[in-house]
């Protein structure tokens, strides 16, 4: 997360606004995720490791569709 904060600061986002920007973008992405993946996104955002292999089949295909692939 610190790397993201540094990149945002590097493009001129004020330090006191960085957390708000990250949260806004995260919320937007979370809304676009396939149903049932919100918890995984929350875990990743909180720095928790998620075993993506245990999610089940189709995760890769869902991710590809999400990104237009």
C-alpha atoms as a PDB file:
ATOM      1  CA  UNK A   1       0.000   0.000   0.000  1.00  0.00           C
ATOM      2  CA  UNK A   2       2.900   2.312   0.688  1.00  0.00           C
ATOM      3  CA  UNK A   3       4.071   1.873  -2.895  1.00  0.00           C
ATOM      4  CA  UNK A   4       0.655   3.009  -4.145  1.00  0.00           C
ATOM      5  CA  UNK A   5       0.693   5.993  -1.805  1.00  0.00           C
ATOM      6  CA  UNK A   6       4.146   6.953  -3.113  1.00  0.00           C
ATOM      7  CA  UNK A   7       2.992   6.685  -6.728  1.00  0.00           C
ATOM      8  CA  UNK A   8      -0.056   8.851  -6.043  1.00  0.00           C
ATOM      9  CA  UNK A   9       2.098  11.430  -4.282  1.00  0.00           C
ATOM     10  CA  UNK A  10       4.440  11.291  -7.270  1.00  0.00           C
ATOM     11  CA  UNK A  11       1.680  12.380  -9.640  1.00  0.00           C
ATOM     12  CA  UNK A  12       0.806  15.337  -7.475  1.00  0.00           C
ATOM     13  CA  UNK A  13      -2.015  14.123  -5.252  1.00  0.00           C
ATOM     14  CA  UNK A  14      -1.820  15.900  -1.915  1.00  0.00           C
ATOM     15  CA  UNK A  15      -0.698  13.653   0.916  1.00  0.00           C
ATOM     16  CA  UNK A  16      -3.811  14.402   2.961  1.00  0.00           C
ATOM     17  CA  UNK A  17      -6.014  13.237   0.049  1.00  0.00           C
ATOM     18  CA  UNK A  18      -4.244   9.996  -0.848  1.00  0.00           C
ATOM     19  CA  UNK A  19      -6.207   7.711   1.480  1.00  0.00           C
ATOM     20  CA  UNK A  20      -9.475   9.145   0.192  1.00  0.00           C
ATOM     21  CA  UNK A  21      -8.397   8.610  -3.407  1.00  0.00           C
ATOM     22  CA  UNK A  22      -7.399   5.004  -2.714  1.00  0.00           C
ATOM     23  CA  UNK A  23     -10.696   4.306  -0.975  1.00  0.00           C
ATOM     24  CA  UNK A  24     -12.716   5.877  -3.803  1.00  0.00           C
ATOM     25  CA  UNK A  25     -10.938   3.860  -6.489  1.00  0.00           C
ATOM     26  CA  UNK A  26     -11.158   0.678  -4.418  1.00  0.00           C
ATOM     27  CA  UNK A  27     -14.905   1.141  -3.906  1.00  0.00           C
ATOM     28  CA  UNK A  28     -15.364   1.674  -7.650  1.00  0.00           C
ATOM     29  CA  UNK A  29     -13.429  -1.480  -8.513  1.00  0.00           C
ATOM     30  CA  UNK A  30     -15.249  -3.480  -5.851  1.00  0.00           C
ATOM     31  CA  UNK A  31     -18.604  -2.499  -7.369  1.00  0.00           C
ATOM     32  CA  UNK A  32     -17.451  -3.886 -10.714  1.00  0.00           C
ATOM     33  CA  UNK A  33     -16.299  -7.265  -9.382  1.00  0.00           C
ATOM     34  CA  UNK A  34     -18.410 -10.356  -9.999  1.00  0.00           C
ATOM     35  CA  UNK A  35     -20.849 -11.184  -7.227  1.00  0.00           C
ATOM     36  CA  UNK A  36     -19.226 -12.913  -4.289  1.00  0.00           C
ATOM     37  CA  UNK A  37     -15.754 -11.448  -4.770  1.00  0.00           C
ATOM     38  CA  UNK A  38     -16.243  -8.383  -2.585  1.00  0.00           C
ATOM     39  CA  UNK A  39     -14.898 -10.187   0.487  1.00  0.00           C
ATOM     40  CA  UNK A  40     -11.740 -11.129  -1.357  1.00  0.00           C
ATOM     41  CA  UNK A  41     -11.241  -7.529  -2.412  1.00  0.00           C
ATOM     42  CA  UNK A  42     -11.757  -6.362   1.174  1.00  0.00           C
ATOM     43  CA  UNK A  43      -9.166  -8.875   2.397  1.00  0.00           C
ATOM     44  CA  UNK A  44      -6.635  -7.727  -0.171  1.00  0.00           C
ATOM     45  CA  UNK A  45      -7.263  -4.079   0.670  1.00  0.00           C
ATOM     46  CA  UNK A  46      -6.703  -4.834   4.352  1.00  0.00           C
ATOM     47  CA  UNK A  47      -3.394  -6.500   3.573  1.00  0.00           C
ATOM     48  CA  UNK A  48      -4.644 -10.001   4.287  1.00  0.00           C
ATOM     49  CA  UNK A  49      -3.402 -12.838   2.112  1.00  0.00           C
ATOM     50  CA  UNK A  50      -6.137 -14.626   0.255  1.00  0.00           C
ATOM     51  CA  UNK A  51      -5.664 -18.049  -1.285  1.00  0.00           C
ATOM     52  CA  UNK A  52      -7.055 -17.323  -4.730  1.00  0.00           C
ATOM     53  CA  UNK A  53      -6.604 -20.960  -5.699  1.00  0.00           C
ATOM     54  CA  UNK A  54      -9.358 -21.955  -3.316  1.00  0.00           C
ATOM     55  CA  UNK A  55     -11.941 -19.623  -4.848  1.00  0.00           C
ATOM     56  CA  UNK A  56     -13.026 -22.178  -7.428  1.00  0.00           C
ATOM     57  CA  UNK A  57     -13.092 -22.520 -11.161  1.00  0.00           C
ATOM     58  CA  UNK A  58     -13.826 -19.602 -13.394  1.00  0.00           C
ATOM     59  CA  UNK A  59     -12.007 -16.911 -11.410  1.00  0.00           C
ATOM     60  CA  UNK A  60      -9.524 -16.282 -14.192  1.00  0.00           C
ATOM     61  CA  UNK A  61     -12.296 -16.082 -16.766  1.00  0.00           C
ATOM     62  CA  UNK A  62     -14.263 -13.637 -14.606  1.00  0.00           C
ATOM     63  CA  UNK A  63     -11.165 -11.483 -14.208  1.00  0.00           C
ATOM     64  CA  UNK A  64     -10.522 -11.536 -17.963  1.00  0.00           C
ATOM     65  CA  UNK A  65     -14.097 -10.403 -18.667  1.00  0.00           C
ATOM     66  CA  UNK A  66     -13.774  -7.676 -16.034  1.00  0.00           C
ATOM     67  CA  UNK A  67     -10.735  -6.281 -17.833  1.00  0.00           C
ATOM     68  CA  UNK A  68     -12.269  -6.664 -21.274  1.00  0.00           C
ATOM     69  CA  UNK A  69     -10.400  -9.844 -22.278  1.00  0.00           C
END
